[in-house]
N, C-alpha and C. Protein backbone atom coordinates (compact mmCIF):
# COMPACT_ATOMS: atom_id res chain seq x y z
N UNK A 1 328.44 89.35 224.46
CA UNK A 1 329.28 88.19 224.67
C UNK A 1 330.32 88.14 223.57
N UNK A 2 331.55 88.21 223.96
CA UNK A 2 332.60 88.23 222.95
C UNK A 2 333.12 86.84 222.61
N UNK A 3 332.91 85.87 223.48
CA UNK A 3 333.42 84.51 223.25
C UNK A 3 332.38 83.69 222.51
N UNK A 4 332.69 83.24 221.29
CA UNK A 4 331.70 82.48 220.51
C UNK A 4 331.31 81.17 221.17
N UNK A 5 332.21 80.53 221.90
CA UNK A 5 331.87 79.28 222.59
C UNK A 5 330.84 79.53 223.69
N UNK A 6 330.98 80.61 224.41
CA UNK A 6 330.00 80.96 225.45
C UNK A 6 328.65 81.21 224.80
N UNK A 7 328.63 81.91 223.70
CA UNK A 7 327.37 82.18 222.99
C UNK A 7 326.72 80.87 222.55
N UNK A 8 327.51 79.93 222.06
CA UNK A 8 326.96 78.62 221.65
C UNK A 8 326.40 77.86 222.86
N UNK A 9 327.11 77.92 223.98
CA UNK A 9 326.63 77.24 225.19
C UNK A 9 325.31 77.84 225.66
N UNK A 10 325.21 79.16 225.67
CA UNK A 10 323.97 79.82 226.07
C UNK A 10 322.83 79.41 225.15
N UNK A 11 323.07 79.46 223.86
CA UNK A 11 322.03 79.10 222.89
C UNK A 11 321.59 77.64 223.07
N UNK A 12 322.55 76.76 223.26
CA UNK A 12 322.22 75.34 223.39
C UNK A 12 321.42 75.05 224.65
N UNK A 13 321.85 75.58 225.78
CA UNK A 13 321.17 75.30 227.04
C UNK A 13 319.82 75.99 227.14
N UNK A 14 319.74 77.23 226.70
CA UNK A 14 318.49 77.97 226.80
C UNK A 14 317.41 77.38 225.91
N UNK A 15 317.80 76.66 224.87
CA UNK A 15 316.83 76.10 223.95
C UNK A 15 316.32 74.71 224.31
N UNK A 16 316.85 74.11 225.37
CA UNK A 16 316.47 72.74 225.71
C UNK A 16 315.24 72.72 226.63
N UNK A 17 314.21 72.03 226.21
CA UNK A 17 313.01 71.89 227.05
C UNK A 17 313.34 71.18 228.35
N UNK A 18 314.26 70.22 228.32
CA UNK A 18 314.62 69.49 229.54
C UNK A 18 315.22 70.42 230.58
N UNK A 19 316.00 71.40 230.14
CA UNK A 19 316.58 72.37 231.08
C UNK A 19 315.47 73.22 231.68
N UNK A 20 314.54 73.67 230.86
CA UNK A 20 313.42 74.48 231.36
C UNK A 20 312.59 73.69 232.37
N UNK A 21 312.37 72.42 232.09
CA UNK A 21 311.62 71.57 233.02
C UNK A 21 312.38 71.42 234.33
N UNK A 22 313.68 71.17 234.26
CA UNK A 22 314.50 71.02 235.47
C UNK A 22 314.49 72.30 236.29
N UNK A 23 314.58 73.45 235.64
CA UNK A 23 314.55 74.72 236.35
C UNK A 23 313.21 74.95 237.03
N UNK A 24 312.12 74.56 236.37
CA UNK A 24 310.79 74.69 236.98
C UNK A 24 310.66 73.77 238.18
N UNK A 25 311.13 72.54 238.06
CA UNK A 25 311.08 71.61 239.19
C UNK A 25 311.92 72.12 240.36
N UNK A 26 313.06 72.70 240.07
CA UNK A 26 313.90 73.26 241.11
C UNK A 26 313.20 74.40 241.84
N UNK A 27 312.55 75.27 241.09
CA UNK A 27 311.79 76.37 241.71
C UNK A 27 310.68 75.83 242.61
N UNK A 28 309.96 74.83 242.12
CA UNK A 28 308.86 74.27 242.90
C UNK A 28 309.37 73.57 244.16
N UNK A 29 310.49 72.86 244.05
CA UNK A 29 311.02 72.11 245.18
C UNK A 29 311.63 73.01 246.26
N UNK A 30 312.20 74.13 245.84
CA UNK A 30 312.90 75.00 246.79
C UNK A 30 312.08 76.21 247.23
N UNK A 31 311.08 76.56 246.46
CA UNK A 31 310.31 77.75 246.76
C UNK A 31 311.01 79.04 246.34
N UNK A 32 312.13 78.92 245.65
CA UNK A 32 312.85 80.09 245.18
C UNK A 32 312.14 80.71 243.99
N UNK A 33 312.31 81.99 243.82
CA UNK A 33 311.67 82.69 242.71
C UNK A 33 312.38 82.53 241.39
N UNK A 34 313.68 82.24 241.44
CA UNK A 34 314.47 82.14 240.22
C UNK A 34 315.39 80.93 240.31
N UNK A 35 315.51 80.22 239.20
CA UNK A 35 316.50 79.16 239.10
C UNK A 35 317.22 79.36 237.77
N UNK A 36 318.46 78.91 237.70
CA UNK A 36 319.23 79.12 236.49
C UNK A 36 320.37 78.14 236.36
N UNK A 37 320.89 78.06 235.15
CA UNK A 37 322.10 77.31 234.85
C UNK A 37 323.12 78.34 234.42
N UNK A 38 324.31 78.27 235.00
CA UNK A 38 325.36 79.23 234.66
C UNK A 38 326.60 78.52 234.17
N UNK A 39 327.31 79.19 233.31
CA UNK A 39 328.63 78.74 232.84
C UNK A 39 329.65 79.56 233.62
N UNK A 40 330.47 78.87 234.42
CA UNK A 40 331.41 79.55 235.29
C UNK A 40 332.84 79.22 234.87
N UNK A 41 333.65 80.25 234.70
CA UNK A 41 335.07 80.08 234.41
C UNK A 41 335.85 80.71 235.56
N UNK A 42 337.16 80.76 235.43
CA UNK A 42 337.97 81.33 236.51
C UNK A 42 337.75 82.82 236.72
N UNK A 43 337.16 83.50 235.74
CA UNK A 43 336.95 84.94 235.92
C UNK A 43 335.57 85.46 235.52
N UNK A 44 334.68 84.60 235.04
CA UNK A 44 333.35 85.10 234.68
C UNK A 44 332.26 84.08 234.98
N UNK A 45 331.07 84.59 235.05
CA UNK A 45 329.87 83.81 235.34
C UNK A 45 328.84 84.25 234.30
N UNK A 46 328.34 83.30 233.50
CA UNK A 46 327.39 83.62 232.43
C UNK A 46 326.11 82.83 232.63
N UNK A 47 324.99 83.52 232.71
CA UNK A 47 323.70 82.85 232.78
C UNK A 47 323.41 82.20 231.43
N UNK A 48 323.14 80.90 231.44
CA UNK A 48 322.86 80.19 230.19
C UNK A 48 321.37 79.91 230.02
N UNK A 49 320.68 79.65 231.10
CA UNK A 49 319.24 79.43 231.07
C UNK A 49 318.68 79.98 232.37
N UNK A 50 317.60 80.74 232.30
CA UNK A 50 317.04 81.39 233.48
C UNK A 50 315.53 81.21 233.47
N UNK A 51 315.00 80.84 234.62
CA UNK A 51 313.55 80.76 234.79
C UNK A 51 313.24 81.45 236.10
N UNK A 52 312.49 82.53 236.04
CA UNK A 52 312.22 83.23 237.28
C UNK A 52 311.15 84.27 237.17
N UNK A 53 310.90 84.88 238.31
CA UNK A 53 309.84 85.87 238.40
C UNK A 53 310.32 87.28 238.14
N UNK A 54 311.58 87.44 237.77
CA UNK A 54 312.08 88.75 237.40
C UNK A 54 312.77 89.52 238.51
N UNK A 55 312.82 88.97 239.73
CA UNK A 55 313.47 89.69 240.83
C UNK A 55 314.93 90.00 240.54
N UNK A 56 315.62 89.09 239.87
CA UNK A 56 317.03 89.29 239.59
C UNK A 56 317.26 89.97 238.24
N UNK A 57 316.28 89.98 237.40
CA UNK A 57 316.36 90.59 236.07
C UNK A 57 317.51 90.01 235.25
N UNK A 58 317.84 88.76 235.48
CA UNK A 58 318.86 88.09 234.68
C UNK A 58 318.21 87.45 233.47
N UNK A 59 318.95 87.45 232.37
CA UNK A 59 318.49 86.75 231.18
C UNK A 59 319.65 85.98 230.59
N UNK A 60 319.37 84.97 229.80
CA UNK A 60 320.45 84.19 229.20
C UNK A 60 321.44 85.09 228.47
N UNK A 61 322.70 84.85 228.74
CA UNK A 61 323.77 85.63 228.14
C UNK A 61 324.33 86.71 229.05
N UNK A 62 323.60 87.06 230.11
CA UNK A 62 324.11 88.05 231.04
C UNK A 62 325.36 87.52 231.72
N UNK A 63 326.36 88.39 231.87
CA UNK A 63 327.62 87.99 232.48
C UNK A 63 327.92 88.83 233.71
N UNK A 64 328.53 88.19 234.69
CA UNK A 64 328.99 88.85 235.91
C UNK A 64 330.44 88.49 236.13
N UNK A 65 331.18 89.38 236.76
CA UNK A 65 332.53 89.02 237.17
C UNK A 65 332.38 88.00 238.29
N UNK A 66 333.21 86.97 238.27
CA UNK A 66 333.11 85.90 239.23
C UNK A 66 333.18 86.42 240.66
N UNK A 67 334.02 87.40 240.93
CA UNK A 67 334.17 87.93 242.28
C UNK A 67 332.89 88.52 242.84
N UNK A 68 331.96 88.92 241.99
CA UNK A 68 330.70 89.53 242.46
C UNK A 68 329.63 88.49 242.77
N UNK A 69 329.91 87.21 242.54
CA UNK A 69 328.87 86.19 242.70
C UNK A 69 328.92 85.46 244.03
N UNK A 70 329.91 85.76 244.86
CA UNK A 70 329.93 85.16 246.22
C UNK A 70 330.63 86.05 247.18
């Protein structure tokens, strides 16, 4: 991650117990294997907090080009 603000956002969100609880509740309510919070800009998508069974192999800080996400 080259942008220090993105790194701070990832660190802040991934460290919050409330975010982890919300992601767990989302998984339970939807039956999905993975839930996450992402930081999305006009050209990138960054996973900030991830809770899942590993199917997507995403971890906090992973980035994708926005065009590949839909």
